[in-house]
């Protein structure tokens, strides 16, 4: 990616960075193209005077916020129809995730910004969950500004050493995913045991 971007200057770099962010969270391709890579490299290229750092921060902010809006719109308009015609729509974990996002989804939208892969699917899931658009926009803007500014400036500060930062970011993201997955499993076990106890008590009565 870095070798590819170094062939360009100015507006083309802005368009590439914005396009990668839109593709990542707007259309869910973050499994293949992590957004951190594009944003950090934008900062690196600003340090090399290929682009202006202020303009790069603004472009990254706008693209990060806009990509989530696109993902939310897709989740609200397309996914309900898709899930209605598949078995996935009846999966208990998906139903619980939709309910949780609808009730307390704002902070989750913000936190997801900093977790690779999760960031790619969060906006569509938020749209699917009936999370209020106003709440979504507030946390979208807060998370987008914080995330895009932080990683752009990180690339600008580190310059050629950015690869070490990206490795650390990747490790941290997978740790977060692992902890979240473990929490979900433990919660599933807890809920299952609770339902079994309640069923046993009803049978005894």
N, C-alpha and C. Protein backbone atom coordinates (compact mmCIF):
# COMPACT_ATOMS: atom_id res chain seq x y z
N UNK A 1 0.82 -1.20 0.00
CA UNK A 1 0.00 0.00 0.00
C UNK A 1 0.86 1.26 0.00
N UNK A 2 1.90 1.27 0.84
CA UNK A 2 2.75 2.47 0.92
C UNK A 2 3.46 2.73 -0.41
N UNK A 3 3.95 1.67 -1.05
CA UNK A 3 4.62 1.83 -2.34
C UNK A 3 3.63 2.33 -3.39
N UNK A 4 2.40 1.87 -3.29
CA UNK A 4 1.38 2.28 -4.25
C UNK A 4 1.08 3.77 -4.11
N UNK A 5 0.89 4.24 -2.88
CA UNK A 5 0.53 5.63 -2.66
C UNK A 5 1.65 6.60 -2.97
N UNK A 6 2.89 6.15 -2.84
CA UNK A 6 4.01 7.06 -3.08
C UNK A 6 4.13 7.47 -4.54
N UNK A 7 3.41 6.84 -5.43
CA UNK A 7 3.43 7.22 -6.84
C UNK A 7 2.53 8.43 -7.12
N UNK A 8 1.77 8.87 -6.10
CA UNK A 8 0.80 9.94 -6.32
C UNK A 8 1.10 11.15 -5.45
N UNK A 9 0.47 12.26 -5.80
CA UNK A 9 0.62 13.49 -5.04
C UNK A 9 -0.74 14.17 -4.92
N UNK A 10 -0.88 15.02 -3.91
CA UNK A 10 -2.01 15.92 -3.78
C UNK A 10 -3.37 15.30 -3.84
N UNK A 11 -4.26 15.82 -4.68
CA UNK A 11 -5.67 15.42 -4.71
C UNK A 11 -5.89 13.92 -4.89
N UNK A 12 -5.02 13.27 -5.65
CA UNK A 12 -5.21 11.84 -5.89
C UNK A 12 -5.06 11.06 -4.58
N UNK A 13 -4.11 11.45 -3.75
CA UNK A 13 -3.92 10.78 -2.47
C UNK A 13 -5.14 10.98 -1.58
N UNK A 14 -5.68 12.20 -1.56
CA UNK A 14 -6.88 12.45 -0.77
C UNK A 14 -8.02 11.54 -1.22
N UNK A 15 -8.18 11.42 -2.53
CA UNK A 15 -9.26 10.58 -3.07
C UNK A 15 -9.06 9.11 -2.72
N UNK A 16 -7.83 8.64 -2.78
CA UNK A 16 -7.56 7.23 -2.46
C UNK A 16 -7.84 6.95 -1.00
N UNK A 17 -7.36 7.82 -0.11
CA UNK A 17 -7.59 7.61 1.33
C UNK A 17 -9.09 7.64 1.62
N UNK A 18 -9.79 8.63 1.08
CA UNK A 18 -11.24 8.72 1.30
C UNK A 18 -11.96 7.50 0.74
N UNK A 19 -11.55 7.06 -0.43
CA UNK A 19 -12.19 5.91 -1.05
C UNK A 19 -11.98 4.63 -0.25
N UNK A 20 -10.79 4.46 0.31
CA UNK A 20 -10.52 3.27 1.12
C UNK A 20 -11.34 3.27 2.39
N UNK A 21 -11.49 4.42 3.01
CA UNK A 21 -12.31 4.50 4.22
C UNK A 21 -13.78 4.23 3.91
N UNK A 22 -14.25 4.77 2.80
CA UNK A 22 -15.63 4.52 2.40
C UNK A 22 -15.87 3.04 2.12
N UNK A 23 -14.91 2.41 1.46
CA UNK A 23 -15.04 0.99 1.16
C UNK A 23 -15.00 0.14 2.42
N UNK A 24 -14.18 0.57 3.38
CA UNK A 24 -14.01 -0.24 4.60
C UNK A 24 -15.29 -0.32 5.42
N UNK A 25 -15.81 0.82 5.84
CA UNK A 25 -16.96 0.82 6.74
C UNK A 25 -18.29 1.06 6.02
N UNK A 26 -18.23 1.68 4.84
CA UNK A 26 -19.47 1.89 4.10
C UNK A 26 -19.96 0.63 3.42
N UNK A 27 -19.03 -0.13 2.87
CA UNK A 27 -19.39 -1.34 2.13
C UNK A 27 -18.80 -2.61 2.74
N UNK A 28 -18.25 -2.49 3.95
CA UNK A 28 -17.85 -3.66 4.72
C UNK A 28 -16.65 -4.43 4.22
N UNK A 29 -15.70 -3.80 3.56
CA UNK A 29 -14.54 -4.53 3.06
C UNK A 29 -13.35 -4.37 4.00
N UNK A 30 -13.60 -3.96 5.23
CA UNK A 30 -12.52 -3.79 6.19
C UNK A 30 -11.82 -5.08 6.55
N UNK A 31 -12.43 -6.22 6.21
CA UNK A 31 -11.75 -7.49 6.43
C UNK A 31 -10.48 -7.58 5.59
N UNK A 32 -10.44 -6.86 4.49
CA UNK A 32 -9.32 -6.94 3.56
C UNK A 32 -8.47 -5.67 3.54
N UNK A 33 -9.08 -4.52 3.82
CA UNK A 33 -8.36 -3.24 3.75
C UNK A 33 -8.60 -2.47 5.05
N UNK A 34 -7.79 -2.69 6.08
CA UNK A 34 -7.97 -1.96 7.34
C UNK A 34 -7.83 -0.46 7.13
N UNK A 35 -8.77 0.30 7.68
CA UNK A 35 -8.76 1.74 7.49
C UNK A 35 -7.56 2.43 8.10
N UNK A 36 -7.02 1.85 9.20
CA UNK A 36 -5.85 2.46 9.83
C UNK A 36 -4.70 2.63 8.84
N UNK A 37 -4.55 1.64 7.97
CA UNK A 37 -3.44 1.69 7.02
C UNK A 37 -3.54 2.92 6.14
N UNK A 38 -4.72 3.18 5.60
CA UNK A 38 -4.90 4.32 4.71
C UNK A 38 -4.70 5.64 5.45
N UNK A 39 -5.27 5.76 6.65
CA UNK A 39 -5.21 7.01 7.39
C UNK A 39 -3.80 7.30 7.89
N UNK A 40 -3.14 6.28 8.44
CA UNK A 40 -1.77 6.47 8.93
C UNK A 40 -0.84 6.82 7.77
N UNK A 41 -1.01 6.16 6.64
CA UNK A 41 -0.18 6.48 5.48
C UNK A 41 -0.45 7.88 4.96
N UNK A 42 -1.69 8.33 5.09
CA UNK A 42 -1.99 9.71 4.73
C UNK A 42 -1.17 10.68 5.56
N UNK A 43 -1.04 10.38 6.86
CA UNK A 43 -0.21 11.20 7.73
C UNK A 43 1.26 11.12 7.37
N UNK A 44 1.72 9.93 7.02
CA UNK A 44 3.12 9.75 6.62
C UNK A 44 3.43 10.57 5.37
N UNK A 45 2.54 10.53 4.39
CA UNK A 45 2.75 11.27 3.14
C UNK A 45 2.65 12.78 3.37
N UNK A 46 1.88 13.19 4.37
CA UNK A 46 1.85 14.61 4.71
C UNK A 46 3.19 15.04 5.28
N UNK A 47 3.79 14.18 6.06
CA UNK A 47 5.12 14.49 6.60
C UNK A 47 6.15 14.61 5.49
N UNK A 48 5.94 13.84 4.42
CA UNK A 48 6.84 13.89 3.27
C UNK A 48 6.47 15.01 2.30
N UNK A 49 5.51 15.84 2.69
CA UNK A 49 5.08 17.02 1.92
C UNK A 49 4.43 16.65 0.59
N UNK A 50 3.85 15.46 0.51
CA UNK A 50 3.11 15.08 -0.69
C UNK A 50 1.68 15.60 -0.62
N UNK A 51 1.20 15.81 0.60
CA UNK A 51 -0.12 16.39 0.83
C UNK A 51 -0.01 17.33 2.02
N UNK A 52 -1.04 18.15 2.20
CA UNK A 52 -1.08 19.06 3.35
C UNK A 52 -1.70 18.34 4.55
N UNK A 53 -1.08 18.45 5.72
CA UNK A 53 -1.53 17.70 6.89
C UNK A 53 -2.93 18.15 7.34
N UNK A 54 -3.21 19.44 7.30
CA UNK A 54 -4.54 19.92 7.71
C UNK A 54 -5.61 19.38 6.76
N UNK A 55 -5.34 19.45 5.47
CA UNK A 55 -6.29 18.93 4.49
C UNK A 55 -6.48 17.43 4.66
N UNK A 56 -5.40 16.71 4.94
CA UNK A 56 -5.50 15.27 5.12
C UNK A 56 -6.35 14.92 6.34
N UNK A 57 -6.19 15.66 7.43
CA UNK A 57 -7.00 15.43 8.62
C UNK A 57 -8.47 15.67 8.30
N UNK A 58 -8.76 16.75 7.58
CA UNK A 58 -10.15 17.06 7.24
C UNK A 58 -10.75 15.99 6.32
N UNK A 59 -9.97 15.54 5.34
CA UNK A 59 -10.45 14.50 4.42
C UNK A 59 -10.71 13.21 5.18
N UNK A 60 -9.78 12.84 6.07
CA UNK A 60 -9.93 11.61 6.84
C UNK A 60 -11.15 11.69 7.75
N UNK A 61 -11.36 12.84 8.37
CA UNK A 61 -12.54 13.03 9.23
C UNK A 61 -13.83 12.88 8.43
N UNK A 62 -13.91 13.58 7.31
CA UNK A 62 -15.13 13.53 6.49
C UNK A 62 -15.40 12.12 5.98
N UNK A 63 -14.35 11.44 5.54
CA UNK A 63 -14.53 10.09 5.00
C UNK A 63 -14.91 9.10 6.09
N UNK A 64 -14.31 9.24 7.26
CA UNK A 64 -14.63 8.34 8.37
C UNK A 64 -16.08 8.49 8.79
N UNK A 65 -16.53 9.72 8.93
CA UNK A 65 -17.93 9.98 9.31
C UNK A 65 -18.88 9.54 8.20
N UNK A 66 -18.56 9.91 6.97
CA UNK A 66 -19.42 9.56 5.85
C UNK A 66 -19.53 8.07 5.61
N UNK A 67 -18.44 7.34 5.81
CA UNK A 67 -18.48 5.90 5.58
C UNK A 67 -19.44 5.21 6.53
N UNK A 68 -19.50 5.69 7.78
CA UNK A 68 -20.43 5.11 8.75
C UNK A 68 -21.88 5.43 8.36
N UNK A 69 -22.10 6.62 7.84
CA UNK A 69 -23.46 6.98 7.41
C UNK A 69 -23.93 6.07 6.26
N UNK A 70 -23.02 5.80 5.33
CA UNK A 70 -23.34 4.90 4.22
C UNK A 70 -23.64 3.50 4.75
N UNK A 71 -22.79 3.01 5.65
CA UNK A 71 -23.00 1.69 6.22
C UNK A 71 -24.31 1.58 6.98
N UNK A 72 -24.65 2.63 7.72
CA UNK A 72 -25.92 2.66 8.46
C UNK A 72 -27.10 2.60 7.50
N UNK A 73 -27.02 3.38 6.42
CA UNK A 73 -28.10 3.40 5.43
C UNK A 73 -28.28 2.04 4.77
N UNK A 74 -27.17 1.38 4.47
CA UNK A 74 -27.25 0.05 3.87
C UNK A 74 -27.85 -0.94 4.86
N UNK A 75 -27.40 -0.85 6.12
CA UNK A 75 -27.94 -1.75 7.14
C UNK A 75 -29.44 -1.58 7.33
N UNK A 76 -29.92 -0.36 7.24
CA UNK A 76 -31.35 -0.10 7.45
C UNK A 76 -32.18 -0.45 6.22
N UNK A 77 -31.63 -0.24 5.03
CA UNK A 77 -32.42 -0.41 3.81
C UNK A 77 -32.34 -1.81 3.22
N UNK A 78 -31.19 -2.45 3.34
CA UNK A 78 -30.96 -3.70 2.63
C UNK A 78 -30.98 -4.92 3.53
N UNK A 79 -30.33 -4.85 4.69
CA UNK A 79 -30.16 -6.04 5.53
C UNK A 79 -31.47 -6.63 6.04
N UNK A 80 -32.48 -5.83 6.42
CA UNK A 80 -33.73 -6.47 6.87
C UNK A 80 -34.32 -7.41 5.82
N UNK A 81 -34.30 -6.98 4.57
CA UNK A 81 -34.81 -7.85 3.50
C UNK A 81 -33.96 -9.10 3.37
N UNK A 82 -32.63 -8.93 3.44
CA UNK A 82 -31.74 -10.08 3.30
C UNK A 82 -31.92 -11.08 4.43
N UNK A 83 -32.05 -10.58 5.66
CA UNK A 83 -32.18 -11.47 6.80
C UNK A 83 -33.54 -12.16 6.83
N UNK A 84 -34.55 -11.48 6.28
CA UNK A 84 -35.89 -12.07 6.24
C UNK A 84 -35.91 -13.31 5.37
N UNK A 85 -35.00 -13.37 4.41
CA UNK A 85 -34.99 -14.50 3.48
C UNK A 85 -33.86 -15.48 3.77
N UNK A 86 -33.25 -15.36 4.94
CA UNK A 86 -32.20 -16.30 5.33
C UNK A 86 -32.43 -16.74 6.77
N UNK A 87 -31.75 -17.79 7.17
CA UNK A 87 -31.87 -18.29 8.54
C UNK A 87 -31.12 -17.40 9.54
N UNK A 88 -30.18 -16.62 9.04
CA UNK A 88 -29.37 -15.79 9.93
C UNK A 88 -30.23 -14.81 10.72
N UNK A 89 -31.32 -14.34 10.11
CA UNK A 89 -32.18 -13.37 10.78
C UNK A 89 -32.81 -13.89 12.06
N UNK A 90 -32.90 -15.22 12.21
CA UNK A 90 -33.49 -15.81 13.41
C UNK A 90 -32.45 -16.27 14.42
N UNK A 91 -31.18 -15.99 14.14
CA UNK A 91 -30.14 -16.44 15.06
C UNK A 91 -30.24 -15.67 16.38
N UNK A 92 -30.27 -16.38 17.52
CA UNK A 92 -30.45 -15.71 18.82
C UNK A 92 -29.39 -14.64 19.11
N UNK A 93 -28.14 -14.90 18.77
CA UNK A 93 -27.09 -13.92 19.06
C UNK A 93 -27.28 -12.64 18.26
N UNK A 94 -27.72 -12.78 17.00
CA UNK A 94 -27.96 -11.60 16.19
C UNK A 94 -29.15 -10.80 16.73
N UNK A 95 -30.17 -11.50 17.16
CA UNK A 95 -31.34 -10.83 17.73
C UNK A 95 -30.95 -10.07 18.99
N UNK A 96 -30.14 -10.69 19.85
CA UNK A 96 -29.71 -10.01 21.07
C UNK A 96 -28.83 -8.81 20.75
N UNK A 97 -27.94 -8.97 19.76
CA UNK A 97 -27.06 -7.86 19.38
C UNK A 97 -27.87 -6.68 18.88
N UNK A 98 -28.90 -6.95 18.09
CA UNK A 98 -29.76 -5.87 17.59
C UNK A 98 -30.47 -5.17 18.74
N UNK A 99 -30.97 -5.94 19.71
CA UNK A 99 -31.67 -5.35 20.84
C UNK A 99 -30.73 -4.50 21.69
N UNK A 100 -29.52 -5.01 21.93
CA UNK A 100 -28.55 -4.29 22.74
C UNK A 100 -28.15 -2.98 22.07
N UNK A 101 -27.93 -3.04 20.76
CA UNK A 101 -27.55 -1.82 20.05
C UNK A 101 -28.68 -0.80 20.07
N UNK A 102 -29.90 -1.26 19.96
CA UNK A 102 -31.04 -0.34 19.97
C UNK A 102 -31.16 0.37 21.31
N UNK A 103 -30.79 -0.32 22.40
CA UNK A 103 -30.93 0.27 23.74
C UNK A 103 -29.69 1.05 24.16
N UNK A 104 -28.51 0.49 23.92
CA UNK A 104 -27.28 1.12 24.42
C UNK A 104 -26.20 1.15 23.34
N UNK A 105 -26.60 1.43 22.12
CA UNK A 105 -25.67 1.29 21.01
C UNK A 105 -24.71 2.42 20.77
N UNK A 106 -24.99 3.63 21.33
CA UNK A 106 -24.13 4.77 21.06
C UNK A 106 -22.67 4.54 21.40
N UNK A 107 -22.35 4.21 22.65
CA UNK A 107 -20.95 3.96 23.01
C UNK A 107 -20.30 2.84 22.20
N UNK A 108 -21.09 1.82 21.85
CA UNK A 108 -20.55 0.71 21.04
C UNK A 108 -20.14 1.20 19.67
N UNK A 109 -20.89 2.13 19.10
CA UNK A 109 -20.55 2.69 17.80
C UNK A 109 -19.21 3.41 17.87
N UNK A 110 -18.99 4.13 18.96
CA UNK A 110 -17.73 4.86 19.12
C UNK A 110 -16.56 3.90 19.33
N UNK A 111 -16.72 2.94 20.24
CA UNK A 111 -15.64 2.01 20.56
C UNK A 111 -15.25 1.17 19.35
N UNK A 112 -16.24 0.81 18.53
CA UNK A 112 -15.98 -0.04 17.37
C UNK A 112 -15.01 0.61 16.39
N UNK A 113 -14.91 1.93 16.41
CA UNK A 113 -13.97 2.64 15.54
C UNK A 113 -12.55 2.12 15.71
N UNK A 114 -12.21 1.71 16.91
CA UNK A 114 -10.83 1.38 17.23
C UNK A 114 -10.55 -0.11 17.18
N UNK A 115 -11.48 -0.88 16.64
CA UNK A 115 -11.30 -2.33 16.57
C UNK A 115 -11.37 -2.77 15.11
N UNK A 116 -10.26 -3.29 14.60
CA UNK A 116 -10.21 -3.76 13.22
C UNK A 116 -11.29 -4.82 13.00
N UNK A 117 -11.88 -4.87 11.85
CA UNK A 117 -12.93 -5.80 11.44
C UNK A 117 -14.27 -5.38 12.02
N UNK A 118 -14.35 -5.18 13.35
CA UNK A 118 -15.62 -4.76 13.95
C UNK A 118 -16.08 -3.43 13.35
N UNK A 119 -15.11 -2.53 13.10
CA UNK A 119 -15.44 -1.23 12.52
C UNK A 119 -16.14 -1.38 11.17
N UNK A 120 -15.81 -2.44 10.43
CA UNK A 120 -16.36 -2.62 9.10
C UNK A 120 -17.83 -3.01 9.12
N UNK A 121 -18.28 -3.68 10.18
CA UNK A 121 -19.65 -4.18 10.22
C UNK A 121 -20.55 -3.40 11.17
N UNK A 122 -19.96 -2.59 12.05
CA UNK A 122 -20.76 -1.89 13.06
C UNK A 122 -21.83 -0.97 12.47
N UNK A 123 -21.50 -0.12 11.48
CA UNK A 123 -22.56 0.79 11.00
C UNK A 123 -23.75 0.06 10.39
N UNK A 124 -23.51 -1.01 9.63
CA UNK A 124 -24.62 -1.77 9.05
C UNK A 124 -25.45 -2.44 10.14
N UNK A 125 -24.78 -2.97 11.15
CA UNK A 125 -25.49 -3.60 12.26
C UNK A 125 -26.30 -2.57 13.05
N UNK A 126 -25.75 -1.37 13.18
CA UNK A 126 -26.48 -0.30 13.87
C UNK A 126 -27.74 0.07 13.10
N UNK A 127 -27.64 0.15 11.77
CA UNK A 127 -28.82 0.43 10.96
C UNK A 127 -29.85 -0.67 11.06
N UNK A 128 -29.39 -1.90 11.13
CA UNK A 128 -30.28 -3.04 11.23
C UNK A 128 -30.99 -3.08 12.58
N UNK A 129 -30.34 -2.55 13.62
CA UNK A 129 -30.85 -2.69 14.98
C UNK A 129 -31.89 -1.66 15.35
N UNK A 130 -32.22 -0.74 14.47
CA UNK A 130 -33.15 0.35 14.77
C UNK A 130 -32.60 1.32 15.80
N UNK A 131 -31.28 1.38 15.91
CA UNK A 131 -30.67 2.42 16.73
C UNK A 131 -31.08 3.78 16.16
N UNK A 132 -31.51 4.67 17.03
CA UNK A 132 -32.00 5.97 16.56
C UNK A 132 -30.93 6.69 15.75
N UNK A 133 -31.35 7.25 14.62
CA UNK A 133 -30.40 7.91 13.73
C UNK A 133 -29.70 9.07 14.42
N UNK A 134 -30.39 9.82 15.23
CA UNK A 134 -29.79 10.95 15.92
C UNK A 134 -28.68 10.49 16.86
N UNK A 135 -28.95 9.42 17.60
CA UNK A 135 -27.92 8.87 18.49
C UNK A 135 -26.73 8.37 17.69
N UNK A 136 -27.02 7.66 16.60
CA UNK A 136 -25.95 7.14 15.76
C UNK A 136 -25.07 8.27 15.23
N UNK A 137 -25.67 9.34 14.75
CA UNK A 137 -24.91 10.45 14.17
C UNK A 137 -23.99 11.09 15.21
N UNK A 138 -24.49 11.27 16.42
CA UNK A 138 -23.68 11.89 17.47
C UNK A 138 -22.42 11.08 17.73
N UNK A 139 -22.57 9.78 17.90
CA UNK A 139 -21.41 8.93 18.20
C UNK A 139 -20.58 8.66 16.95
N UNK A 140 -21.21 8.72 15.80
CA UNK A 140 -20.46 8.61 14.54
C UNK A 140 -19.49 9.78 14.40
N UNK A 141 -19.99 10.98 14.63
CA UNK A 141 -19.15 12.17 14.50
C UNK A 141 -18.04 12.17 15.56
N UNK A 142 -18.42 11.86 16.81
CA UNK A 142 -17.43 11.85 17.89
C UNK A 142 -16.33 10.82 17.61
N UNK A 143 -16.73 9.61 17.26
CA UNK A 143 -15.76 8.56 16.99
C UNK A 143 -14.95 8.82 15.74
N UNK A 144 -15.61 9.32 14.70
CA UNK A 144 -14.91 9.58 13.44
C UNK A 144 -13.84 10.65 13.59
N UNK A 145 -14.19 11.74 14.27
CA UNK A 145 -13.21 12.82 14.46
C UNK A 145 -12.04 12.34 15.31
N UNK A 146 -12.35 11.65 16.40
CA UNK A 146 -11.28 11.17 17.30
C UNK A 146 -10.37 10.18 16.59
N UNK A 147 -10.97 9.19 15.93
CA UNK A 147 -10.19 8.13 15.29
C UNK A 147 -9.36 8.67 14.12
N UNK A 148 -9.99 9.41 13.21
CA UNK A 148 -9.30 9.89 12.02
C UNK A 148 -8.18 10.88 12.37
N UNK A 149 -8.45 11.78 13.30
CA UNK A 149 -7.43 12.75 13.69
C UNK A 149 -6.26 12.07 14.38
N UNK A 150 -6.57 11.14 15.28
CA UNK A 150 -5.53 10.44 16.03
C UNK A 150 -4.59 9.67 15.10
N UNK A 151 -5.15 8.88 14.18
CA UNK A 151 -4.30 8.04 13.35
C UNK A 151 -3.60 8.82 12.24
N UNK A 152 -4.22 9.88 11.76
CA UNK A 152 -3.52 10.72 10.78
C UNK A 152 -2.31 11.39 11.43
N UNK A 153 -2.50 11.93 12.63
CA UNK A 153 -1.39 12.59 13.32
C UNK A 153 -0.35 11.58 13.78
N UNK A 154 -0.78 10.35 14.06
CA UNK A 154 0.17 9.30 14.42
C UNK A 154 1.10 9.02 13.25
N UNK A 155 0.53 8.90 12.04
CA UNK A 155 1.36 8.69 10.86
C UNK A 155 2.28 9.86 10.61
N UNK A 156 1.78 11.07 10.83
CA UNK A 156 2.60 12.27 10.62
C UNK A 156 3.76 12.30 11.62
N UNK A 157 3.50 11.91 12.85
CA UNK A 157 4.54 11.95 13.89
C UNK A 157 5.59 10.86 13.70
N UNK A 158 5.16 9.67 13.27
CA UNK A 158 6.08 8.54 13.18
C UNK A 158 6.84 8.50 11.87
N UNK A 159 6.26 9.00 10.79
CA UNK A 159 6.93 8.96 9.51
C UNK A 159 7.22 7.54 9.07
N UNK A 160 8.46 7.28 8.74
CA UNK A 160 8.87 5.97 8.21
C UNK A 160 8.71 4.84 9.21
N UNK A 161 8.54 5.16 10.50
CA UNK A 161 8.40 4.14 11.53
C UNK A 161 6.95 3.70 11.72
N UNK A 162 6.07 4.10 10.80
CA UNK A 162 4.65 3.84 10.99
C UNK A 162 4.32 2.35 11.05
N UNK A 163 5.12 1.49 10.41
CA UNK A 163 4.80 0.07 10.37
C UNK A 163 4.76 -0.54 11.76
N UNK A 164 5.64 -0.08 12.65
CA UNK A 164 5.64 -0.59 14.01
C UNK A 164 4.33 -0.24 14.72
N UNK A 165 3.85 0.97 14.49
CA UNK A 165 2.58 1.38 15.09
C UNK A 165 1.43 0.55 14.57
N UNK A 166 1.42 0.27 13.26
CA UNK A 166 0.34 -0.53 12.69
C UNK A 166 0.32 -1.94 13.26
N UNK A 167 1.51 -2.51 13.51
CA UNK A 167 1.56 -3.84 14.10
C UNK A 167 0.98 -3.82 15.51
N UNK A 168 1.33 -2.78 16.27
CA UNK A 168 0.81 -2.66 17.63
C UNK A 168 -0.70 -2.49 17.61
N UNK A 169 -1.20 -1.68 16.67
CA UNK A 169 -2.64 -1.47 16.54
C UNK A 169 -3.34 -2.79 16.22
N UNK A 170 -2.76 -3.57 15.31
CA UNK A 170 -3.35 -4.85 14.95
C UNK A 170 -3.42 -5.81 16.11
N UNK A 171 -2.35 -5.88 16.91
CA UNK A 171 -2.33 -6.76 18.07
C UNK A 171 -3.40 -6.32 19.07
N UNK A 172 -3.47 -5.03 19.34
CA UNK A 172 -4.45 -4.50 20.28
C UNK A 172 -5.87 -4.81 19.83
N UNK A 173 -6.14 -4.65 18.55
CA UNK A 173 -7.48 -4.91 18.03
C UNK A 173 -7.89 -6.35 18.24
N UNK A 174 -6.97 -7.27 17.97
CA UNK A 174 -7.31 -8.68 18.13
C UNK A 174 -7.47 -9.06 19.61
N UNK A 175 -6.75 -8.38 20.50
CA UNK A 175 -6.95 -8.60 21.93
C UNK A 175 -8.36 -8.17 22.32
N UNK A 176 -8.78 -7.00 21.82
CA UNK A 176 -10.13 -6.51 22.11
C UNK A 176 -11.17 -7.48 21.58
N UNK A 177 -10.97 -7.96 20.35
CA UNK A 177 -11.91 -8.92 19.77
C UNK A 177 -11.99 -10.19 20.61
N UNK A 178 -10.82 -10.67 21.06
CA UNK A 178 -10.79 -11.88 21.89
C UNK A 178 -11.52 -11.70 23.20
N UNK A 179 -11.30 -10.56 23.85
CA UNK A 179 -11.98 -10.28 25.12
C UNK A 179 -13.49 -10.18 24.91
N UNK A 180 -13.89 -9.48 23.84
CA UNK A 180 -15.31 -9.33 23.55
C UNK A 180 -15.96 -10.68 23.26
N UNK A 181 -15.26 -11.52 22.49
CA UNK A 181 -15.80 -12.85 22.17
C UNK A 181 -15.95 -13.69 23.44
N UNK A 182 -14.95 -13.62 24.31
CA UNK A 182 -15.03 -14.36 25.57
C UNK A 182 -16.20 -13.87 26.42
N UNK A 183 -16.39 -12.54 26.46
CA UNK A 183 -17.50 -11.98 27.22
C UNK A 183 -18.84 -12.45 26.67
N UNK A 184 -18.96 -12.51 25.34
CA UNK A 184 -20.20 -12.97 24.73
C UNK A 184 -20.47 -14.44 25.07
N UNK A 185 -19.42 -15.25 25.03
CA UNK A 185 -19.58 -16.67 25.34
C UNK A 185 -20.02 -16.85 26.80
N UNK A 186 -19.35 -16.13 27.71
CA UNK A 186 -19.70 -16.24 29.12
C UNK A 186 -21.12 -15.75 29.38
N UNK A 187 -21.50 -14.68 28.70
CA UNK A 187 -22.87 -14.17 28.86
C UNK A 187 -23.89 -15.17 28.32
N UNK A 188 -23.56 -15.80 27.20
CA UNK A 188 -24.45 -16.81 26.63
C UNK A 188 -24.63 -17.98 27.59
N UNK A 189 -23.53 -18.41 28.20
CA UNK A 189 -23.61 -19.51 29.18
C UNK A 189 -24.46 -19.10 30.37
N UNK A 190 -24.26 -17.86 30.85
CA UNK A 190 -25.02 -17.37 32.00
C UNK A 190 -26.51 -17.31 31.70
N UNK A 191 -26.86 -16.76 30.52
CA UNK A 191 -28.27 -16.65 30.16
C UNK A 191 -28.90 -18.03 29.98
N UNK A 192 -28.16 -18.96 29.38
CA UNK A 192 -28.67 -20.31 29.18
C UNK A 192 -28.95 -21.00 30.51
N UNK A 193 -28.02 -20.86 31.46
CA UNK A 193 -28.22 -21.46 32.78
C UNK A 193 -29.41 -20.83 33.50
N UNK A 194 -29.58 -19.52 33.35
CA UNK A 194 -30.69 -18.84 33.99
C UNK A 194 -32.02 -19.34 33.44
N UNK A 195 -32.09 -19.50 32.12
CA UNK A 195 -33.32 -19.99 31.51
C UNK A 195 -33.62 -21.43 31.96
N UNK A 196 -32.56 -22.22 32.10
CA UNK A 196 -32.77 -23.59 32.54
C UNK A 196 -33.28 -23.64 33.98
N UNK A 197 -32.72 -22.77 34.84
CA UNK A 197 -33.19 -22.72 36.22
C UNK A 197 -34.64 -22.28 36.29
N UNK A 198 -35.01 -21.27 35.50
CA UNK A 198 -36.38 -20.78 35.50
C UNK A 198 -37.34 -21.86 34.99
N UNK A 199 -36.90 -22.61 33.96
CA UNK A 199 -37.74 -23.69 33.43
C UNK A 199 -37.91 -24.79 34.47
N UNK A 200 -36.83 -25.12 35.20
CA UNK A 200 -36.90 -26.15 36.23
C UNK A 200 -37.83 -25.73 37.36
N UNK A 201 -37.78 -24.44 37.72
CA UNK A 201 -38.65 -23.94 38.79
C UNK A 201 -40.12 -24.00 38.37
N UNK A 202 -40.39 -23.68 37.09
CA UNK A 202 -41.77 -23.76 36.62
C UNK A 202 -42.28 -25.19 36.62
N UNK A 203 -41.39 -26.12 36.27
CA UNK A 203 -41.77 -27.54 36.26
C UNK A 203 -42.07 -28.03 37.67
N UNK A 204 -41.31 -27.53 38.66
CA UNK A 204 -41.53 -27.94 40.05
C UNK A 204 -42.86 -27.42 40.56
N UNK A 205 -43.24 -26.20 40.10
CA UNK A 205 -44.53 -25.67 40.54
C UNK A 205 -45.68 -26.44 39.90
